[in-house]
Amino acid sequence: VRISTPSMTLHSKFKDFGEDFDLTTYINKKGYPDDISVLKAARNDLLGKRKDLEISILEEFIQNEDHFMNVLDNYSKVVKLKKEIKDNLASYKKLIMSLKERETITFVDDRKRDELQQKFTKFEDDMSLFLTEKRYLVDCVEVSVEHNNAERNGMVLLTNDFLFVGIKNVNKYKLLNVFSYDLVQMKMENDYLVVKVDPICLADSW
């Protein structure tokens, strides 16, 4: 994108105006005498420069209006997408917390158990080892997984007791990790769901 910039003449003309511009310091630096008429002339000169600067900024904006509007439009889309991701992650966090607080299962919906079995067919690994009468699917999320210093397409399966993480190969997913909610710590960090294995819990489980 090519955006026109002010000429060297304008740059020289407005070089005294910056974020830290102070009128008193500017006048003292110029060494104006204490004559009121001279000070008024200096003030009028500054007001004229400010008006020229405002007109110059307006002209630059008008000349590059399409580019600036595209930038603002793209920025608003990014902000909206980020909010949607944060909202989704927050809902997943609440779901995970509710699963951790649930100690016993009083009823298992056969449809949810069948849905989990269907999702397992998307893996190239033998997932039948994880099929039980009491395990069922809670949610399935397609995500981006950081693996071997690279971003890979992945899938997260949330069940009532385990969290399955798979990365996409050519046709199916490869099982990357399986986490028990009793052995991991999960938290939100910079719009990411961070899963950490607790070594103390892991030692106790053995």
N, C-alpha and C. Protein backbone atom coordinates (compact mmCIF):
# COMPACT_ATOMS: atom_id res chain seq x y z
N VAL A 1 0.86 -1.18 0.00
CA VAL A 1 0.00 0.00 0.00
C VAL A 1 0.89 1.22 0.00
N ARG A 2 0.68 2.09 -0.96
CA ARG A 2 1.48 3.32 -1.04
C ARG A 2 0.67 4.48 -0.50
N ILE A 3 1.22 5.16 0.50
CA ILE A 3 0.55 6.31 1.11
C ILE A 3 1.48 7.50 0.97
N SER A 4 0.94 8.59 0.45
CA SER A 4 1.77 9.77 0.24
C SER A 4 2.16 10.38 1.58
N THR A 5 3.33 11.01 1.62
CA THR A 5 3.82 11.63 2.85
C THR A 5 4.03 13.11 2.63
N PRO A 6 4.02 13.91 3.72
CA PRO A 6 4.20 15.36 3.58
C PRO A 6 5.54 15.68 2.95
N SER A 7 5.58 16.78 2.24
CA SER A 7 6.81 17.18 1.57
C SER A 7 7.84 17.62 2.60
N MET A 8 9.11 17.74 2.13
CA MET A 8 10.17 18.18 3.02
C MET A 8 9.92 19.59 3.54
N THR A 9 9.25 20.41 2.72
CA THR A 9 8.95 21.78 3.14
C THR A 9 8.00 21.77 4.34
N LEU A 10 6.94 20.93 4.24
CA LEU A 10 5.99 20.83 5.35
C LEU A 10 6.67 20.25 6.58
N HIS A 11 7.54 19.25 6.35
CA HIS A 11 8.23 18.64 7.48
C HIS A 11 9.09 19.68 8.22
N SER A 12 9.78 20.49 7.47
CA SER A 12 10.61 21.54 8.08
C SER A 12 9.75 22.57 8.78
N LYS A 13 8.59 22.85 8.20
CA LYS A 13 7.71 23.88 8.75
C LYS A 13 7.12 23.46 10.08
N PHE A 14 6.85 22.15 10.24
CA PHE A 14 6.18 21.67 11.44
C PHE A 14 7.11 20.89 12.38
N LYS A 15 8.42 20.98 12.16
CA LYS A 15 9.33 20.16 12.93
C LYS A 15 9.32 20.53 14.42
N ASP A 16 8.90 21.78 14.75
CA ASP A 16 8.88 22.19 16.15
C ASP A 16 7.69 21.61 16.91
N PHE A 17 6.71 21.08 16.20
CA PHE A 17 5.51 20.56 16.85
C PHE A 17 5.67 19.06 17.06
N GLY A 18 5.63 18.63 18.28
CA GLY A 18 5.73 17.21 18.60
C GLY A 18 4.89 16.90 19.81
N GLU A 19 5.00 15.65 20.28
CA GLU A 19 4.20 15.24 21.43
C GLU A 19 4.54 16.05 22.69
N ASP A 20 5.82 16.48 22.81
CA ASP A 20 6.26 17.20 24.01
C ASP A 20 6.31 18.72 23.80
N PHE A 21 5.58 19.22 22.80
CA PHE A 21 5.62 20.66 22.50
C PHE A 21 5.06 21.47 23.66
N ASP A 22 5.81 22.48 24.06
CA ASP A 22 5.38 23.37 25.14
C ASP A 22 5.57 24.82 24.66
N LEU A 23 4.50 25.61 24.72
CA LEU A 23 4.52 26.96 24.17
C LEU A 23 5.54 27.86 24.90
N THR A 24 5.56 27.77 26.23
CA THR A 24 6.48 28.63 27.00
C THR A 24 7.94 28.33 26.66
N THR A 25 8.26 27.02 26.62
CA THR A 25 9.63 26.63 26.27
C THR A 25 9.98 27.07 24.86
N TYR A 26 9.00 26.97 23.95
CA TYR A 26 9.24 27.35 22.56
C TYR A 26 9.57 28.84 22.46
N ILE A 27 8.79 29.67 23.18
CA ILE A 27 9.01 31.12 23.13
C ILE A 27 10.36 31.49 23.75
N ASN A 28 10.66 30.85 24.92
CA ASN A 28 11.93 31.14 25.58
C ASN A 28 13.12 30.74 24.71
N LYS A 29 12.96 29.64 23.99
CA LYS A 29 14.04 29.16 23.12
C LYS A 29 14.28 30.13 21.98
N LYS A 30 13.20 30.70 21.47
CA LYS A 30 13.33 31.65 20.37
C LYS A 30 13.94 32.98 20.82
N GLY A 31 13.88 33.25 22.13
CA GLY A 31 14.49 34.45 22.66
C GLY A 31 13.73 35.73 22.31
N TYR A 32 12.38 35.67 22.35
CA TYR A 32 11.60 36.86 22.06
C TYR A 32 11.77 37.89 23.18
N PRO A 33 11.78 39.18 22.85
CA PRO A 33 11.84 40.22 23.90
C PRO A 33 10.51 40.29 24.64
N ASP A 34 10.51 41.10 25.70
CA ASP A 34 9.31 41.21 26.53
C ASP A 34 8.28 42.17 25.95
N ASP A 35 8.47 42.61 24.73
CA ASP A 35 7.53 43.52 24.09
C ASP A 35 6.26 42.76 23.73
N ILE A 36 5.08 43.28 24.18
CA ILE A 36 3.81 42.58 23.99
C ILE A 36 3.47 42.42 22.53
N SER A 37 3.81 43.41 21.71
CA SER A 37 3.47 43.32 20.29
C SER A 37 4.27 42.21 19.60
N VAL A 38 5.50 42.04 20.03
CA VAL A 38 6.33 40.97 19.47
C VAL A 38 5.79 39.61 19.88
N LEU A 39 5.37 39.50 21.15
CA LEU A 39 4.81 38.23 21.64
C LEU A 39 3.50 37.89 20.91
N LYS A 40 2.68 38.93 20.66
CA LYS A 40 1.44 38.70 19.91
C LYS A 40 1.73 38.23 18.50
N ALA A 41 2.74 38.82 17.89
CA ALA A 41 3.12 38.41 16.54
C ALA A 41 3.59 36.97 16.53
N ALA A 42 4.36 36.59 17.57
CA ALA A 42 4.83 35.20 17.67
C ALA A 42 3.66 34.25 17.87
N ARG A 43 2.69 34.70 18.69
CA ARG A 43 1.50 33.86 18.93
C ARG A 43 0.72 33.67 17.65
N ASN A 44 0.52 34.75 16.92
CA ASN A 44 -0.21 34.65 15.65
C ASN A 44 0.51 33.75 14.65
N ASP A 45 1.86 33.81 14.69
CA ASP A 45 2.64 32.96 13.80
C ASP A 45 2.43 31.48 14.15
N LEU A 46 2.40 31.20 15.46
CA LEU A 46 2.17 29.82 15.89
C LEU A 46 0.76 29.35 15.53
N LEU A 47 -0.23 30.22 15.72
CA LEU A 47 -1.60 29.87 15.35
C LEU A 47 -1.71 29.60 13.86
N GLY A 48 -0.99 30.39 13.06
CA GLY A 48 -1.00 30.17 11.62
C GLY A 48 -0.38 28.84 11.26
N LYS A 49 0.72 28.49 11.94
CA LYS A 49 1.36 27.21 11.68
C LYS A 49 0.45 26.04 12.09
N ARG A 50 -0.27 26.23 13.22
CA ARG A 50 -1.16 25.17 13.66
C ARG A 50 -2.29 24.96 12.65
N LYS A 51 -2.83 26.04 12.13
CA LYS A 51 -3.88 25.94 11.13
C LYS A 51 -3.37 25.26 9.86
N ASP A 52 -2.16 25.63 9.44
CA ASP A 52 -1.56 24.99 8.26
C ASP A 52 -1.36 23.50 8.51
N LEU A 53 -0.95 23.16 9.74
CA LEU A 53 -0.74 21.75 10.08
C LEU A 53 -2.04 20.97 10.03
N GLU A 54 -3.12 21.54 10.58
CA GLU A 54 -4.41 20.87 10.56
C GLU A 54 -4.90 20.66 9.12
N ILE A 55 -4.71 21.69 8.29
CA ILE A 55 -5.11 21.57 6.88
C ILE A 55 -4.28 20.50 6.18
N SER A 56 -2.98 20.46 6.48
CA SER A 56 -2.10 19.47 5.86
C SER A 56 -2.50 18.05 6.25
N ILE A 57 -2.81 17.84 7.54
CA ILE A 57 -3.25 16.52 8.00
C ILE A 57 -4.54 16.11 7.30
N LEU A 58 -5.48 17.07 7.19
CA LEU A 58 -6.75 16.78 6.52
C LEU A 58 -6.53 16.42 5.06
N GLU A 59 -5.65 17.16 4.39
CA GLU A 59 -5.37 16.87 2.98
C GLU A 59 -4.74 15.49 2.81
N GLU A 60 -3.82 15.15 3.71
CA GLU A 60 -3.19 13.83 3.63
C GLU A 60 -4.21 12.73 3.83
N PHE A 61 -5.14 12.93 4.76
CA PHE A 61 -6.17 11.93 5.01
C PHE A 61 -7.07 11.77 3.79
N ILE A 62 -7.47 12.89 3.19
CA ILE A 62 -8.36 12.84 2.03
C ILE A 62 -7.67 12.12 0.86
N GLN A 63 -6.37 12.41 0.65
CA GLN A 63 -5.64 11.80 -0.44
C GLN A 63 -5.51 10.28 -0.27
N ASN A 64 -5.45 9.82 0.98
CA ASN A 64 -5.26 8.40 1.26
C ASN A 64 -6.46 7.80 1.98
N GLU A 65 -7.65 8.36 1.74
CA GLU A 65 -8.84 7.96 2.48
C GLU A 65 -9.11 6.46 2.36
N ASP A 66 -9.03 5.90 1.15
CA ASP A 66 -9.33 4.48 0.95
C ASP A 66 -8.39 3.59 1.76
N HIS A 67 -7.10 3.95 1.75
CA HIS A 67 -6.13 3.14 2.49
C HIS A 67 -6.38 3.20 3.99
N PHE A 68 -6.64 4.40 4.49
CA PHE A 68 -6.88 4.54 5.92
C PHE A 68 -8.16 3.80 6.34
N MET A 69 -9.19 3.88 5.53
CA MET A 69 -10.45 3.21 5.86
C MET A 69 -10.27 1.69 5.84
N ASN A 70 -9.45 1.20 4.90
CA ASN A 70 -9.17 -0.25 4.86
C ASN A 70 -8.45 -0.69 6.12
N VAL A 71 -7.49 0.13 6.57
CA VAL A 71 -6.76 -0.20 7.80
C VAL A 71 -7.70 -0.26 8.99
N LEU A 72 -8.58 0.74 9.10
CA LEU A 72 -9.53 0.77 10.22
C LEU A 72 -10.51 -0.40 10.14
N ASP A 73 -10.95 -0.75 8.93
CA ASP A 73 -11.89 -1.85 8.77
C ASP A 73 -11.25 -3.16 9.16
N ASN A 74 -10.00 -3.39 8.73
CA ASN A 74 -9.30 -4.62 9.08
C ASN A 74 -9.04 -4.69 10.58
N TYR A 75 -8.73 -3.55 11.19
CA TYR A 75 -8.49 -3.53 12.63
C TYR A 75 -9.75 -3.92 13.40
N SER A 76 -10.89 -3.41 12.98
CA SER A 76 -12.14 -3.74 13.66
C SER A 76 -12.47 -5.21 13.53
N LYS A 77 -12.14 -5.81 12.37
CA LYS A 77 -12.40 -7.25 12.18
C LYS A 77 -11.51 -8.08 13.10
N VAL A 78 -10.25 -7.65 13.26
CA VAL A 78 -9.33 -8.38 14.14
C VAL A 78 -9.81 -8.30 15.59
N VAL A 79 -10.27 -7.13 16.00
CA VAL A 79 -10.78 -6.96 17.37
C VAL A 79 -11.99 -7.84 17.60
N LYS A 80 -12.88 -7.91 16.63
CA LYS A 80 -14.08 -8.74 16.76
C LYS A 80 -13.71 -10.21 16.85
N LEU A 81 -12.76 -10.67 16.00
CA LEU A 81 -12.34 -12.07 16.02
C LEU A 81 -11.68 -12.42 17.34
N LYS A 82 -10.85 -11.52 17.86
CA LYS A 82 -10.19 -11.77 19.14
C LYS A 82 -11.21 -11.91 20.26
N LYS A 83 -12.25 -11.08 20.24
CA LYS A 83 -13.29 -11.16 21.27
C LYS A 83 -14.02 -12.50 21.19
N GLU A 84 -14.32 -12.96 19.97
CA GLU A 84 -15.01 -14.23 19.81
C GLU A 84 -14.15 -15.38 20.36
N ILE A 85 -12.84 -15.33 20.09
CA ILE A 85 -11.95 -16.38 20.58
C ILE A 85 -11.91 -16.38 22.11
N LYS A 86 -11.81 -15.18 22.70
CA LYS A 86 -11.77 -15.08 24.15
C LYS A 86 -13.05 -15.59 24.77
N ASP A 87 -14.19 -15.27 24.17
CA ASP A 87 -15.48 -15.74 24.69
C ASP A 87 -15.57 -17.26 24.61
N ASN A 88 -15.11 -17.83 23.49
CA ASN A 88 -15.15 -19.28 23.34
C ASN A 88 -14.25 -19.97 24.36
N LEU A 89 -13.04 -19.44 24.54
CA LEU A 89 -12.13 -20.03 25.51
C LEU A 89 -12.68 -19.93 26.93
N ALA A 90 -13.35 -18.83 27.23
CA ALA A 90 -13.95 -18.67 28.56
C ALA A 90 -15.04 -19.71 28.79
N SER A 91 -15.84 -19.98 27.76
CA SER A 91 -16.90 -20.98 27.90
C SER A 91 -16.31 -22.38 28.05
N TYR A 92 -15.20 -22.65 27.34
CA TYR A 92 -14.54 -23.95 27.49
C TYR A 92 -13.96 -24.11 28.89
N LYS A 93 -13.42 -23.02 29.43
CA LYS A 93 -12.87 -23.08 30.77
C LYS A 93 -13.96 -23.41 31.79
N LYS A 94 -15.13 -22.78 31.65
CA LYS A 94 -16.24 -23.07 32.56
C LYS A 94 -16.67 -24.52 32.43
N LEU A 95 -16.68 -25.02 31.19
CA LEU A 95 -17.07 -26.40 30.95
C LEU A 95 -16.10 -27.36 31.61
N ILE A 96 -14.80 -27.08 31.47
CA ILE A 96 -13.78 -27.94 32.07
C ILE A 96 -13.88 -27.93 33.58
N MET A 97 -14.11 -26.74 34.16
CA MET A 97 -14.23 -26.64 35.61
C MET A 97 -15.43 -27.42 36.12
N SER A 98 -16.52 -27.36 35.37
CA SER A 98 -17.72 -28.11 35.78
C SER A 98 -17.47 -29.60 35.70
N LEU A 99 -16.66 -30.03 34.72
CA LEU A 99 -16.34 -31.45 34.60
C LEU A 99 -15.45 -31.90 35.75
N LYS A 100 -14.54 -31.06 36.17
CA LYS A 100 -13.64 -31.42 37.27
C LYS A 100 -14.40 -31.52 38.59
N GLU A 101 -15.46 -30.71 38.73
CA GLU A 101 -16.22 -30.72 39.98
C GLU A 101 -17.20 -31.89 40.05
N ARG A 102 -17.45 -32.51 38.91
CA ARG A 102 -18.40 -33.62 38.90
C ARG A 102 -17.69 -34.90 39.33
N GLU A 103 -18.09 -35.49 40.43
CA GLU A 103 -17.40 -36.64 40.98
C GLU A 103 -17.95 -37.96 40.44
N THR A 104 -19.24 -38.08 40.27
CA THR A 104 -19.84 -39.33 39.82
C THR A 104 -20.78 -39.06 38.65
N ILE A 105 -21.00 -40.10 37.87
CA ILE A 105 -21.91 -40.03 36.74
C ILE A 105 -23.15 -40.86 37.06
N THR A 106 -24.26 -40.22 37.13
CA THR A 106 -25.48 -40.94 37.46
C THR A 106 -26.20 -41.45 36.21
N PHE A 107 -25.94 -40.80 35.07
CA PHE A 107 -26.60 -41.21 33.85
C PHE A 107 -25.71 -40.89 32.66
N VAL A 108 -25.60 -41.84 31.73
CA VAL A 108 -24.80 -41.65 30.53
C VAL A 108 -25.71 -41.74 29.32
N ASP A 109 -25.73 -40.67 28.54
CA ASP A 109 -26.54 -40.64 27.34
C ASP A 109 -25.86 -41.49 26.26
N ASP A 110 -26.58 -42.50 25.78
CA ASP A 110 -26.01 -43.38 24.76
C ASP A 110 -25.59 -42.61 23.51
N ARG A 111 -26.31 -41.56 23.19
CA ARG A 111 -25.98 -40.79 21.99
C ARG A 111 -24.63 -40.10 22.15
N LYS A 112 -24.36 -39.60 23.34
CA LYS A 112 -23.08 -38.95 23.59
C LYS A 112 -21.93 -39.97 23.55
N ARG A 113 -22.19 -41.17 24.03
CA ARG A 113 -21.17 -42.21 23.97
C ARG A 113 -20.92 -42.64 22.53
N ASP A 114 -21.99 -42.70 21.73
CA ASP A 114 -21.84 -43.04 20.31
C ASP A 114 -21.12 -41.92 19.55
N GLU A 115 -21.38 -40.68 19.93
CA GLU A 115 -20.70 -39.55 19.28
C GLU A 115 -19.20 -39.62 19.54
N LEU A 116 -18.83 -40.01 20.76
CA LEU A 116 -17.40 -40.14 21.07
C LEU A 116 -16.77 -41.24 20.23
N GLN A 117 -17.46 -42.35 20.09
CA GLN A 117 -16.95 -43.44 19.27
C GLN A 117 -16.78 -43.00 17.82
N GLN A 118 -17.72 -42.18 17.33
CA GLN A 118 -17.63 -41.68 15.96
C GLN A 118 -16.43 -40.73 15.80
N LYS A 119 -16.21 -39.89 16.79
CA LYS A 119 -15.06 -38.98 16.73
C LYS A 119 -13.75 -39.76 16.76
N PHE A 120 -13.72 -40.87 17.49
CA PHE A 120 -12.51 -41.68 17.57
C PHE A 120 -12.13 -42.27 16.21
N THR A 121 -13.10 -42.43 15.33
CA THR A 121 -12.79 -42.98 14.00
C THR A 121 -11.97 -42.00 13.16
N LYS A 122 -11.91 -40.75 13.58
CA LYS A 122 -11.12 -39.75 12.86
C LYS A 122 -9.63 -39.86 13.19
N PHE A 123 -9.29 -40.73 14.14
CA PHE A 123 -7.89 -40.92 14.53
C PHE A 123 -7.32 -42.15 13.86
N GLU A 124 -6.04 -42.09 13.52
CA GLU A 124 -5.37 -43.24 12.93
C GLU A 124 -4.93 -44.24 13.99
N ASP A 125 -4.95 -43.82 15.26
CA ASP A 125 -4.59 -44.71 16.36
C ASP A 125 -5.75 -45.62 16.75
N ASP A 126 -5.45 -46.66 17.50
CA ASP A 126 -6.49 -47.56 18.01
C ASP A 126 -7.12 -46.91 19.24
N MET A 127 -8.23 -46.24 19.03
CA MET A 127 -8.88 -45.51 20.12
C MET A 127 -9.89 -46.36 20.90
N SER A 128 -10.06 -47.61 20.49
CA SER A 128 -11.00 -48.48 21.19
C SER A 128 -10.58 -48.71 22.64
N LEU A 129 -9.29 -48.51 22.92
CA LEU A 129 -8.79 -48.66 24.28
C LEU A 129 -9.44 -47.66 25.24
N PHE A 130 -9.92 -46.56 24.69
CA PHE A 130 -10.48 -45.50 25.52
C PHE A 130 -12.02 -45.53 25.59
N LEU A 131 -12.62 -46.50 24.95
CA LEU A 131 -14.08 -46.60 24.97
C LEU A 131 -14.53 -47.38 26.21
N THR A 132 -15.34 -46.73 27.03
CA THR A 132 -15.91 -47.38 28.21
C THR A 132 -17.40 -47.07 28.27
N GLU A 133 -18.08 -47.77 29.17
CA GLU A 133 -19.52 -47.56 29.31
C GLU A 133 -19.84 -46.20 29.93
N LYS A 134 -18.89 -45.65 30.67
CA LYS A 134 -19.17 -44.41 31.39
C LYS A 134 -18.51 -43.18 30.77
N ARG A 135 -17.76 -43.36 29.69
CA ARG A 135 -17.11 -42.21 29.06
C ARG A 135 -17.94 -41.73 27.88
N TYR A 136 -18.14 -40.42 27.81
CA TYR A 136 -18.95 -39.87 26.73
C TYR A 136 -18.38 -38.52 26.28
N LEU A 137 -18.80 -38.10 25.11
CA LEU A 137 -18.31 -36.85 24.52
C LEU A 137 -19.05 -35.66 25.11
N VAL A 138 -18.26 -34.64 25.47
CA VAL A 138 -18.83 -33.38 25.95
C VAL A 138 -18.76 -32.32 24.85
N ASP A 139 -17.60 -32.22 24.22
CA ASP A 139 -17.45 -31.24 23.15
C ASP A 139 -16.25 -31.62 22.29
N CYS A 140 -16.27 -31.15 21.05
CA CYS A 140 -15.18 -31.37 20.10
C CYS A 140 -14.82 -30.03 19.48
N VAL A 141 -13.54 -29.67 19.51
CA VAL A 141 -13.11 -28.36 19.04
C VAL A 141 -11.91 -28.53 18.10
N GLU A 142 -12.00 -27.91 16.92
CA GLU A 142 -10.86 -27.87 16.02
C GLU A 142 -9.99 -26.67 16.41
N VAL A 143 -8.70 -26.91 16.61
CA VAL A 143 -7.81 -25.89 17.14
C VAL A 143 -6.51 -25.86 16.34
N SER A 144 -5.66 -24.89 16.68
CA SER A 144 -4.30 -24.81 16.16
C SER A 144 -3.37 -25.25 17.28
N VAL A 145 -2.54 -26.26 17.01
CA VAL A 145 -1.69 -26.87 18.03
C VAL A 145 -0.23 -26.54 17.72
N GLU A 146 0.50 -26.07 18.74
CA GLU A 146 1.94 -25.83 18.58
C GLU A 146 2.67 -27.13 18.87
N HIS A 147 3.32 -27.69 17.84
CA HIS A 147 3.99 -28.97 17.98
C HIS A 147 5.31 -28.94 17.21
N ASN A 148 6.41 -29.24 17.90
CA ASN A 148 7.75 -29.21 17.28
C ASN A 148 8.03 -27.85 16.65
N ASN A 149 7.72 -26.80 17.41
CA ASN A 149 7.99 -25.41 16.98
C ASN A 149 7.25 -25.06 15.69
N ALA A 150 6.10 -25.67 15.46
CA ALA A 150 5.32 -25.38 14.26
C ALA A 150 3.84 -25.43 14.61
N GLU A 151 3.05 -24.61 13.90
CA GLU A 151 1.60 -24.60 14.09
C GLU A 151 0.98 -25.68 13.21
N ARG A 152 0.19 -26.56 13.84
CA ARG A 152 -0.47 -27.65 13.11
C ARG A 152 -1.97 -27.60 13.41
N ASN A 153 -2.78 -28.02 12.42
CA ASN A 153 -4.20 -28.17 12.66
C ASN A 153 -4.42 -29.32 13.63
N GLY A 154 -5.30 -29.12 14.57
CA GLY A 154 -5.52 -30.16 15.57
C GLY A 154 -6.97 -30.24 15.99
N MET A 155 -7.24 -31.21 16.86
CA MET A 155 -8.59 -31.38 17.38
C MET A 155 -8.49 -31.75 18.86
N VAL A 156 -9.37 -31.16 19.65
CA VAL A 156 -9.44 -31.45 21.08
C VAL A 156 -10.80 -32.07 21.37
N LEU A 157 -10.76 -33.25 21.99
CA LEU A 157 -11.99 -33.92 22.41
C LEU A 157 -12.10 -33.79 23.93
N LEU A 158 -13.18 -33.20 24.38
CA LEU A 158 -13.45 -33.08 25.80
C LEU A 158 -14.47 -34.15 26.18
N THR A 159 -14.06 -35.07 27.05
CA THR A 159 -14.99 -36.06 27.56
C THR A 159 -15.27 -35.73 29.02
N ASN A 160 -16.03 -36.56 29.67
CA ASN A 160 -16.36 -36.29 31.06
C ASN A 160 -15.18 -36.51 32.00
N ASP A 161 -14.13 -37.23 31.55
CA ASP A 161 -12.99 -37.47 32.45
C ASP A 161 -11.63 -37.28 31.80
N PHE A 162 -11.57 -37.28 30.47
CA PHE A 162 -10.29 -37.13 29.78
C PHE A 162 -10.36 -36.00 28.76
N LEU A 163 -9.16 -35.48 28.44
CA LEU A 163 -9.00 -34.49 27.37
C LEU A 163 -8.04 -35.09 26.34
N PHE A 164 -8.53 -35.27 25.11
CA PHE A 164 -7.74 -35.87 24.04
C PHE A 164 -7.28 -34.77 23.08
N VAL A 165 -5.98 -34.77 22.74
CA VAL A 165 -5.43 -33.79 21.80
C VAL A 165 -4.82 -34.53 20.62
N GLY A 166 -5.28 -34.21 19.40
CA GLY A 166 -4.75 -34.84 18.20
C GLY A 166 -4.28 -33.80 17.20
N ILE A 167 -3.27 -34.16 16.39
CA ILE A 167 -2.80 -33.28 15.33
C ILE A 167 -3.10 -33.92 13.98
N LYS A 168 -3.38 -33.08 13.00
CA LYS A 168 -3.82 -33.57 11.71
C LYS A 168 -2.64 -34.06 10.88
N ASN A 169 -2.77 -35.29 10.39
CA ASN A 169 -1.84 -35.82 9.40
C ASN A 169 -2.48 -35.69 8.04
N VAL A 170 -2.17 -36.58 7.12
CA VAL A 170 -2.70 -36.44 5.75
C VAL A 170 -4.21 -36.62 5.72
N ASN A 171 -4.69 -37.73 6.25
CA ASN A 171 -6.13 -38.01 6.19
C ASN A 171 -6.80 -37.99 7.55
N LYS A 172 -6.07 -38.43 8.57
CA LYS A 172 -6.68 -38.53 9.90
C LYS A 172 -5.80 -37.82 10.93
N TYR A 173 -6.31 -37.82 12.15
CA TYR A 173 -5.57 -37.20 13.24
C TYR A 173 -4.70 -38.24 13.94
N LYS A 174 -3.56 -37.77 14.42
CA LYS A 174 -2.70 -38.61 15.24
C LYS A 174 -2.82 -38.16 16.68
N LEU A 175 -3.03 -39.13 17.57
CA LEU A 175 -3.20 -38.81 18.98
C LEU A 175 -1.89 -38.27 19.54
N LEU A 176 -1.93 -37.04 20.02
CA LEU A 176 -0.73 -36.39 20.55
C LEU A 176 -0.62 -36.58 22.06
N ASN A 177 -1.73 -36.39 22.77
CA ASN A 177 -1.72 -36.54 24.22
C ASN A 177 -3.12 -36.85 24.73
N VAL A 178 -3.16 -37.53 25.87
CA VAL A 178 -4.41 -37.77 26.59
C VAL A 178 -4.18 -37.31 28.03
N PHE A 179 -5.04 -36.44 28.52
CA PHE A 179 -4.88 -35.89 29.86
C PHE A 179 -6.09 -36.24 30.72
N SER A 180 -5.81 -36.71 31.91
CA SER A 180 -6.86 -36.86 32.91
C SER A 180 -7.00 -35.54 33.64
N TYR A 181 -8.22 -35.13 33.90
CA TYR A 181 -8.42 -33.85 34.58
C TYR A 181 -7.83 -33.85 35.98
N ASP A 182 -7.60 -35.04 36.56
CA ASP A 182 -7.03 -35.12 37.90
C ASP A 182 -5.52 -34.89 37.89
N LEU A 183 -4.89 -34.99 36.72
CA LEU A 183 -3.43 -34.91 36.65
C LEU A 183 -2.92 -33.65 35.97
N VAL A 184 -3.81 -32.77 35.56
CA VAL A 184 -3.37 -31.59 34.82
C VAL A 184 -3.91 -30.33 35.47
N GLN A 185 -3.22 -29.26 35.17
CA GLN A 185 -3.67 -27.92 35.56
C GLN A 185 -3.96 -27.14 34.28
N MET A 186 -5.12 -26.53 34.21
CA MET A 186 -5.52 -25.78 33.02
C MET A 186 -5.84 -24.35 33.40
N LYS A 187 -5.35 -23.42 32.56
CA LYS A 187 -5.63 -22.01 32.82
C LYS A 187 -5.60 -21.24 31.52
N MET A 188 -6.22 -20.05 31.54
CA MET A 188 -6.22 -19.17 30.37
C MET A 188 -5.02 -18.23 30.48
N GLU A 189 -4.27 -18.10 29.37
CA GLU A 189 -3.08 -17.25 29.36
C GLU A 189 -2.91 -16.64 27.97
N ASN A 190 -3.14 -15.33 27.87
CA ASN A 190 -2.99 -14.62 26.58
C ASN A 190 -3.80 -15.28 25.48
N ASP A 191 -5.07 -15.54 25.77
CA ASP A 191 -6.01 -16.11 24.80
C ASP A 191 -5.67 -17.55 24.43
N TYR A 192 -4.84 -18.22 25.22
CA TYR A 192 -4.53 -19.62 24.99
C TYR A 192 -5.00 -20.45 26.18
N LEU A 193 -5.43 -21.68 25.90
CA LEU A 193 -5.73 -22.63 26.95
C LEU A 193 -4.44 -23.40 27.21
N VAL A 194 -3.83 -23.18 28.38
CA VAL A 194 -2.55 -23.80 28.72
C VAL A 194 -2.83 -25.02 29.60
N VAL A 195 -2.30 -26.17 29.19
CA VAL A 195 -2.47 -27.42 29.93
C VAL A 195 -1.11 -27.83 30.48
N LYS A 196 -1.00 -27.95 31.81
CA LYS A 196 0.25 -28.34 32.46
C LYS A 196 0.03 -29.61 33.26
N VAL A 197 0.96 -30.55 33.13
CA VAL A 197 0.90 -31.79 33.90
C VAL A 197 1.50 -31.54 35.27
N ASP A 198 0.78 -31.95 36.31
CA ASP A 198 1.25 -31.78 37.68
C ASP A 198 2.13 -32.97 38.04
N PRO A 199 3.46 -32.79 38.21
CA PRO A 199 4.33 -33.92 38.50
C PRO A 199 4.03 -34.58 39.84
N ILE A 200 3.52 -33.82 40.81
CA ILE A 200 3.20 -34.40 42.12
C ILE A 200 2.03 -35.36 41.99
N CYS A 201 0.98 -34.91 41.29
CA CYS A 201 -0.18 -35.76 41.08
C CYS A 201 0.20 -36.99 40.27
N LEU A 202 1.10 -36.81 39.31
CA LEU A 202 1.50 -37.91 38.46
C LEU A 202 2.24 -38.96 39.29
N ALA A 203 3.10 -38.51 40.21
CA ALA A 203 3.83 -39.44 41.07
C ALA A 203 2.88 -40.18 42.00
N ASP A 204 1.89 -39.44 42.54
CA ASP A 204 0.92 -40.06 43.44
C ASP A 204 0.09 -41.12 42.74
N SER A 205 -0.18 -40.87 41.44
CA SER A 205 -1.04 -41.81 40.72
C SER A 205 -0.36 -43.15 40.50
N TRP A 206 1.00 -43.14 40.54
CA TRP A 206 1.74 -44.39 40.38
C TRP A 206 1.93 -45.08 41.73
